[in-house]
Amino acid sequence: MKVLYIGGTGEISYSCLHESSACGQHCTVFNRGRRSANLPPGTRQITGQMGDAAYAALARENFDVVCQFIAYSIPDVERDLAIFSGHCGQYVFISTASAYRKPPESFRITERVPLINPWWAYSRTKADMEAFLLRAHAENRLPVTIIRPSHTYRLNFPGTFVGGDHHAWRMLQGKPVISHGDGTSLWTYTHSDDFAVPFVRLLGHPKALGEAFHITTDTAYPWDELFRAVGRSLGVEPKLVHVPSDTLVRYNSDWAGPLLGDKTWSTLFDNSKCQALTGPYTKLTPLDEGLKRAADHFRAHKAYAPQPAVDALLDRIAEEQMRLGAEAGG
């Protein structure tokens, strides 16, 4: 089976590419060629930009599967429809589980939950792209499968309203780390190696056509435990400060999307639809093991430098919240 990965070196796609190769699929990667990640032996790499002549020429390859990891707008998928219609057996679009209804009516999420997210434009755009592609599928113009990852990691620490590496840097500096809410909402966190196995099993699967699937683990962690696990991977004890999500959004309205549009709410995903086609998920990566790999990468490859204005704002919020608690306590 000939599989094209548009991307192929990202946080999720890299693991999927390696799993595809291990399963004997003939893989081609199209990207800008800027990352030095080791591609699996036998992988063909085509360098270019989406929308250039090299990208348009991919239609002549007639891939069995096209995996689109880096489309973020309606024009992106309109272009892909024009290029790949009649030239691939399956077009796999990477959407997002954050598109599901917020606030949720139940913490148990299935693919039947409506895609309604008033808080995050990113999620609404992905939902619109899904609708466009599924219309194209219904019109027999492009055979489409939708995949919705939730919070999936490989080299990066879990982020919230700021990046996870910023949280890790603050821990190592002995600075307080803000945990939204009271730190007890449940969050599903999936290693990309665990995502890759069912993902690859859906490639070329006839029952996957015209369908949407989320792929996550079946485990959820309180946010405070995720932060403590990051601390364990770094050999430090995080100093956690709890701040309500609504309060954080008052400090910076840009945080409404990742908080109220995603991470504020407890979530646990029902993966039975995907597992009915791919089989049960087994040999999942333990949280501490996955975070140790991220910590090793953080130390070996990153001289992390936060944005001074963002870090100063986090200092201010933590200080004001701790002072509020002290004053309330007498």
Protein backbone atom coordinates (compact mmCIF):
# COMPACT_ATOMS: atom_id res chain seq x y z
CA MET A 1 0.00 0.00 0.00
CA LYS A 2 1.36 3.41 -1.03
CA VAL A 3 0.86 5.98 1.72
CA LEU A 4 1.58 9.71 1.53
CA TYR A 5 2.20 11.63 4.75
CA ILE A 6 1.75 15.38 4.36
CA GLY A 7 3.89 16.38 7.32
CA GLY A 8 5.51 13.27 8.73
CA THR A 9 7.91 14.76 11.27
CA GLY A 10 5.44 16.35 13.70
CA GLU A 11 4.46 15.42 17.23
CA ILE A 12 1.89 12.87 16.01
CA SER A 13 2.73 12.15 12.38
CA TYR A 14 6.30 11.01 13.11
CA SER A 15 5.08 8.04 15.16
CA CYS A 16 2.41 7.23 12.58
CA LEU A 17 4.98 7.26 9.79
CA HIS A 18 7.22 4.85 11.70
CA GLU A 19 4.29 2.54 12.45
CA SER A 20 3.30 2.57 8.77
CA SER A 21 6.82 1.64 7.74
CA ALA A 22 6.99 -1.13 10.35
CA CYS A 23 3.76 -2.56 8.90
CA GLY A 24 5.33 -2.77 5.44
CA GLN A 25 3.57 0.19 3.87
CA HIS A 26 5.47 2.13 1.18
CA CYS A 27 5.68 5.62 2.62
CA THR A 28 6.32 9.00 1.04
CA VAL A 29 6.67 12.20 3.07
CA PHE A 30 5.92 15.66 1.71
CA ASN A 31 7.12 18.57 3.84
CA ARG A 32 9.46 21.55 3.87
CA GLY A 33 12.47 19.42 4.82
CA ARG A 34 13.35 21.67 7.76
CA ARG A 35 13.45 19.04 10.48
CA SER A 36 16.31 16.62 10.93
CA ALA A 37 14.19 13.81 12.40
CA ASN A 38 15.30 10.38 11.23
CA LEU A 39 12.84 8.99 8.70
CA PRO A 40 12.30 5.22 8.55
CA PRO A 41 14.51 3.32 6.07
CA GLY A 42 13.00 3.28 2.61
CA THR A 43 10.91 6.41 3.14
CA ARG A 44 10.86 8.73 0.15
CA GLN A 45 10.91 12.43 0.96
CA ILE A 46 9.58 15.12 -1.37
CA THR A 47 10.40 18.68 -0.33
CA GLY A 48 8.10 21.57 -1.08
CA GLN A 49 5.31 23.83 0.13
CA MET A 50 1.63 23.02 0.13
CA GLY A 51 0.22 24.64 -2.97
CA ASP A 52 3.41 24.68 -5.06
CA ALA A 53 4.06 22.72 -8.27
CA ALA A 54 5.66 19.80 -6.41
CA TYR A 55 2.54 19.50 -4.27
CA ALA A 56 0.19 19.56 -7.25
CA ALA A 57 2.32 16.87 -8.91
CA LEU A 58 1.49 14.46 -6.07
CA ALA A 59 -1.79 13.68 -7.86
CA ARG A 60 0.16 11.75 -10.53
CA GLU A 61 1.38 9.33 -7.85
CA ASN A 62 -2.14 7.92 -7.27
CA PHE A 63 -1.49 7.06 -3.63
CA ASP A 64 -3.66 4.47 -1.94
CA VAL A 65 -3.83 6.70 1.14
CA VAL A 66 -3.12 10.42 1.67
CA CYS A 67 -2.68 11.46 5.33
CA GLN A 68 -3.15 15.22 5.75
CA PHE A 69 -1.64 16.37 9.06
CA ILE A 70 -1.03 20.07 8.36
CA ALA A 71 -4.24 21.52 6.89
CA TYR A 72 -5.76 24.28 9.01
CA SER A 73 -8.17 26.20 6.76
CA ILE A 74 -10.97 25.65 4.26
CA PRO A 75 -8.72 26.75 1.35
CA ASP A 76 -6.27 24.00 2.36
CA VAL A 77 -8.85 21.25 1.93
CA GLU A 78 -10.40 22.88 -1.14
CA ARG A 79 -6.97 22.67 -2.75
CA ASP A 80 -6.55 19.05 -1.64
CA LEU A 81 -9.93 18.14 -3.11
CA ALA A 82 -8.89 19.62 -6.44
CA ILE A 83 -5.56 17.75 -6.39
CA PHE A 84 -6.48 14.34 -4.98
CA SER A 85 -10.03 13.83 -6.25
CA GLY A 86 -9.84 10.69 -8.41
CA HIS A 87 -6.19 10.20 -7.42
CA CYS A 88 -6.29 8.45 -4.04
CA GLY A 89 -8.15 5.59 -2.41
CA GLN A 90 -8.52 7.28 0.98
CA TYR A 91 -7.94 10.83 2.19
CA VAL A 92 -7.33 10.93 5.95
CA PHE A 93 -7.87 14.33 7.52
CA ILE A 94 -6.46 15.09 10.96
CA SER A 95 -9.04 17.15 12.81
CA THR A 96 -9.27 17.70 16.58
CA ALA A 97 -11.29 16.33 19.47
CA SER A 98 -11.49 19.87 20.83
CA ALA A 99 -14.22 20.45 18.23
CA TYR A 100 -16.71 18.53 20.38
CA ARG A 101 -19.42 20.51 22.18
CA LYS A 102 -18.21 22.81 24.96
CA PRO A 103 -19.22 22.82 27.69
CA PRO A 104 -19.81 19.06 27.47
CA GLU A 105 -23.11 17.56 28.56
CA SER A 106 -21.26 14.42 29.68
CA PHE A 107 -17.60 13.77 30.43
CA ARG A 108 -17.84 10.55 28.35
CA ILE A 109 -17.26 11.56 24.73
CA THR A 110 -18.35 9.56 21.68
CA GLU A 111 -18.18 10.51 18.01
CA ARG A 112 -21.92 11.30 18.16
CA VAL A 113 -21.30 14.43 20.27
CA PRO A 114 -22.04 17.52 18.12
CA LEU A 115 -19.15 19.70 16.98
CA ILE A 116 -20.06 22.96 18.74
CA ASN A 117 -17.28 24.99 20.32
CA PRO A 118 -18.11 28.67 20.92
CA TRP A 119 -14.79 29.35 22.64
CA TRP A 120 -12.13 28.38 20.11
CA ALA A 121 -11.93 29.48 16.48
CA TYR A 122 -9.35 26.76 15.78
CA SER A 123 -11.86 24.06 16.72
CA ARG A 124 -14.69 25.65 14.75
CA THR A 125 -12.50 25.85 11.65
CA LYS A 126 -11.58 22.18 11.94
CA ALA A 127 -15.28 21.32 12.27
CA ASP A 128 -16.05 23.35 9.12
CA MET A 129 -13.27 21.54 7.28
CA GLU A 130 -14.72 18.19 8.35
CA ALA A 131 -18.14 19.20 7.02
CA PHE A 132 -16.64 20.28 3.69
CA LEU A 133 -14.75 17.00 3.29
CA LEU A 134 -17.70 14.80 4.28
CA ARG A 135 -19.83 16.58 1.69
CA ALA A 136 -17.16 15.81 -0.90
CA HIS A 137 -17.23 12.18 0.23
CA ALA A 138 -21.04 12.02 -0.06
CA GLU A 139 -20.76 13.42 -3.59
CA ASN A 140 -18.21 10.69 -4.49
CA ARG A 141 -15.54 13.30 -5.13
CA LEU A 142 -13.07 12.16 -2.45
CA PRO A 143 -13.05 9.08 -0.17
CA VAL A 144 -12.61 10.64 3.28
CA THR A 145 -11.80 9.45 6.80
CA ILE A 146 -11.74 11.92 9.71
CA ILE A 147 -9.40 11.40 12.69
CA ARG A 148 -9.78 13.49 15.86
CA PRO A 149 -6.79 13.38 18.20
CA SER A 150 -7.08 14.82 21.65
CA HIS A 151 -4.00 15.89 23.64
CA THR A 152 -1.29 13.75 22.02
CA TYR A 153 2.40 14.06 22.85
CA ARG A 154 5.81 12.70 21.93
CA LEU A 155 8.56 15.21 22.70
CA ASN A 156 6.54 18.02 24.28
CA PHE A 157 5.24 18.30 27.84
CA PRO A 158 1.50 18.80 28.47
CA GLY A 159 0.51 22.39 27.84
CA THR A 160 -2.57 24.22 29.04
CA PHE A 161 -3.07 27.89 28.21
CA VAL A 162 0.72 28.14 27.73
CA GLY A 163 3.06 25.55 26.29
CA GLY A 164 4.08 22.55 28.34
CA ASP A 165 7.77 23.32 27.97
CA HIS A 166 7.10 26.68 29.62
CA HIS A 167 5.57 24.86 32.58
CA ALA A 168 8.64 22.58 32.72
CA TRP A 169 11.01 25.56 32.57
CA ARG A 170 9.17 27.23 35.45
CA MET A 171 9.42 24.06 37.51
CA LEU A 172 13.17 23.92 36.98
CA GLN A 173 13.46 27.61 37.93
CA GLY A 174 11.58 26.96 41.17
CA LYS A 175 8.73 29.20 40.00
CA PRO A 176 5.06 28.45 40.74
CA VAL A 177 3.10 26.66 38.02
CA ILE A 178 -0.53 27.60 37.50
CA SER A 179 -2.96 24.70 37.46
CA HIS A 180 -6.33 25.86 36.17
CA GLY A 181 -9.39 25.31 38.31
CA ASP A 182 -8.61 23.31 41.44
CA GLY A 183 -6.42 20.84 39.55
CA THR A 184 -8.89 17.95 39.82
CA SER A 185 -10.60 18.02 36.40
CA LEU A 186 -9.77 14.87 34.44
CA TRP A 187 -7.76 15.00 31.25
CA THR A 188 -6.92 12.34 28.66
CA TYR A 189 -3.27 12.39 27.61
CA THR A 190 -2.10 10.06 24.82
CA HIS A 191 1.41 9.16 23.68
CA SER A 192 1.84 9.41 19.91
CA ASP A 193 3.20 5.83 19.74
CA ASP A 194 -0.11 4.63 21.20
CA PHE A 195 -2.08 6.80 18.78
CA ALA A 196 -0.12 5.45 15.81
CA VAL A 197 -1.14 1.80 16.10
CA PRO A 198 -4.92 2.19 15.59
CA PHE A 199 -4.32 5.06 13.17
CA VAL A 200 -2.31 2.86 10.82
CA ARG A 201 -4.86 0.04 11.11
CA LEU A 202 -7.50 2.42 9.74
CA LEU A 203 -5.44 3.14 6.62
CA GLY A 204 -6.95 1.33 3.66
CA HIS A 205 -9.83 -0.01 5.77
CA PRO A 206 -13.01 0.15 3.67
CA LYS A 207 -15.26 0.55 6.73
CA ALA A 208 -13.36 3.69 7.73
CA LEU A 209 -14.49 5.59 4.63
CA GLY A 210 -17.00 8.34 5.28
CA GLU A 211 -16.51 8.00 9.04
CA ALA A 212 -14.99 10.04 11.88
CA PHE A 213 -13.01 8.51 14.74
CA HIS A 214 -11.23 9.88 17.76
CA ILE A 215 -8.13 8.05 18.92
CA THR A 216 -7.07 8.44 22.55
CA THR A 217 -6.19 6.30 25.52
CA ASP A 218 -8.96 5.16 27.83
CA THR A 219 -7.33 6.75 30.90
CA ALA A 220 -7.77 10.22 32.35
CA TYR A 221 -5.62 12.03 34.93
CA PRO A 222 -6.29 14.99 37.22
CA TRP A 223 -4.33 17.99 36.00
CA ASP A 224 -2.37 18.22 39.24
CA GLU A 225 -1.20 14.63 38.73
CA LEU A 226 -0.07 15.45 35.19
CA PHE A 227 1.98 18.35 36.56
CA ARG A 228 3.42 16.18 39.32
CA ALA A 229 4.35 13.56 36.71
CA VAL A 230 6.18 16.23 34.72
CA GLY A 231 7.98 17.21 37.90
CA ARG A 232 9.00 13.58 38.53
CA SER A 233 10.45 13.37 35.02
CA LEU A 234 12.54 16.47 35.75
CA GLY A 235 13.47 15.53 39.31
CA VAL A 236 11.62 18.45 40.93
CA GLU A 237 8.46 18.95 42.97
CA PRO A 238 6.22 21.50 41.22
CA LYS A 239 4.85 24.42 43.22
CA LEU A 240 1.23 24.39 42.06
CA VAL A 241 -1.05 27.41 42.34
CA HIS A 242 -4.74 26.96 41.51
CA VAL A 243 -6.51 29.71 39.59
CA PRO A 244 -10.08 29.47 38.19
CA SER A 245 -10.22 29.26 34.40
CA ASP A 246 -12.58 32.25 34.22
CA THR A 247 -10.07 34.30 36.18
CA LEU A 248 -7.22 33.31 33.88
CA VAL A 249 -9.26 34.37 30.84
CA ARG A 250 -9.78 37.79 32.45
CA TYR A 251 -6.02 38.19 32.55
CA ASN A 252 -5.67 37.18 28.89
CA SER A 253 -8.67 36.67 26.62
CA ASP A 254 -6.56 34.59 24.20
CA TRP A 255 -6.59 31.82 26.82
CA ALA A 256 -10.35 31.29 26.40
CA GLY A 257 -9.85 28.85 23.52
CA PRO A 258 -7.41 26.40 25.11
CA LEU A 259 -9.15 26.62 28.51
CA LEU A 260 -12.92 27.12 28.10
CA GLY A 261 -12.78 25.62 24.61
CA ASP A 262 -10.83 22.54 25.71
CA LYS A 263 -8.87 21.85 28.89
CA THR A 264 -11.13 23.22 31.61
CA TRP A 265 -13.59 20.36 31.25
CA SER A 266 -13.16 16.76 32.41
CA THR A 267 -13.05 14.41 29.42
CA LEU A 268 -12.91 10.67 28.93
CA PHE A 269 -13.24 9.30 25.41
CA ASP A 270 -15.19 6.23 24.36
CA ASN A 271 -12.95 4.59 21.74
CA SER A 272 -15.25 1.66 20.98
CA LYS A 273 -16.05 2.87 17.45
CA CYS A 274 -12.39 2.86 16.45
CA GLN A 275 -11.60 -0.34 18.34
CA ALA A 276 -14.40 -2.16 16.52
CA LEU A 277 -12.27 -1.82 13.38
CA THR A 278 -8.74 -1.85 14.78
CA GLY A 279 -9.00 -4.16 17.78
CA PRO A 280 -8.40 -3.20 21.43
CA TYR A 281 -5.57 -0.89 22.40
CA THR A 282 -2.75 -2.79 24.10
CA LYS A 283 0.77 -2.12 25.39
CA LEU A 284 0.09 1.54 26.10
CA THR A 285 2.99 3.76 27.14
CA PRO A 286 3.01 4.39 30.92
CA LEU A 287 2.72 8.09 31.72
CA ASP A 288 6.04 8.31 33.59
CA GLU A 289 7.86 6.51 30.79
CA GLY A 290 6.47 8.81 28.11
CA LEU A 291 7.26 11.93 30.12
CA LYS A 292 10.80 10.70 30.81
CA ARG A 293 11.37 10.60 27.04
CA ALA A 294 10.05 14.16 26.79
CA ALA A 295 12.32 15.23 29.67
CA ASP A 296 15.36 13.62 28.02
CA HIS A 297 14.58 15.52 24.82
CA PHE A 298 13.99 18.75 26.72
CA ARG A 299 17.41 18.52 28.35
CA ALA A 300 19.29 17.32 25.27
CA HIS A 301 17.81 19.46 22.52
CA LYS A 302 16.24 22.59 23.94
CA ALA A 303 17.67 25.71 25.47
CA TYR A 304 14.20 26.92 26.35
CA ALA A 305 13.69 30.68 26.58
CA PRO A 306 10.16 31.81 27.46
CA GLN A 307 8.58 34.99 26.21
CA PRO A 308 9.41 37.52 28.95
CA ALA A 309 5.99 39.18 28.88
CA VAL A 310 4.13 35.87 29.23
CA ASP A 311 6.39 34.70 32.03
CA ALA A 312 6.02 37.99 33.86
CA LEU A 313 2.23 37.69 33.60
CA LEU A 314 2.36 34.16 35.04
CA ASP A 315 4.47 35.47 37.93
CA ARG A 316 1.94 38.23 38.56
CA ILE A 317 -1.07 35.88 38.47
CA ALA A 318 0.58 33.38 40.82
CA GLU A 319 1.62 36.13 43.24
CA GLU A 320 -1.83 37.73 43.29
CA GLN A 321 -3.56 34.39 43.78
CA MET A 322 -1.25 33.34 46.62
CA ARG A 323 -1.65 36.75 48.28
CA LEU A 324 -5.42 36.44 47.97
CA GLY A 325 -5.31 33.08 49.71
CA ALA A 326 -3.07 34.39 52.46
CA GLU A 327 -5.31 37.41 53.06
CA ALA A 328 -8.44 35.24 53.14
CA GLY A 329 -6.79 32.98 55.69
CA GLY A 330 -6.36 35.74 58.17
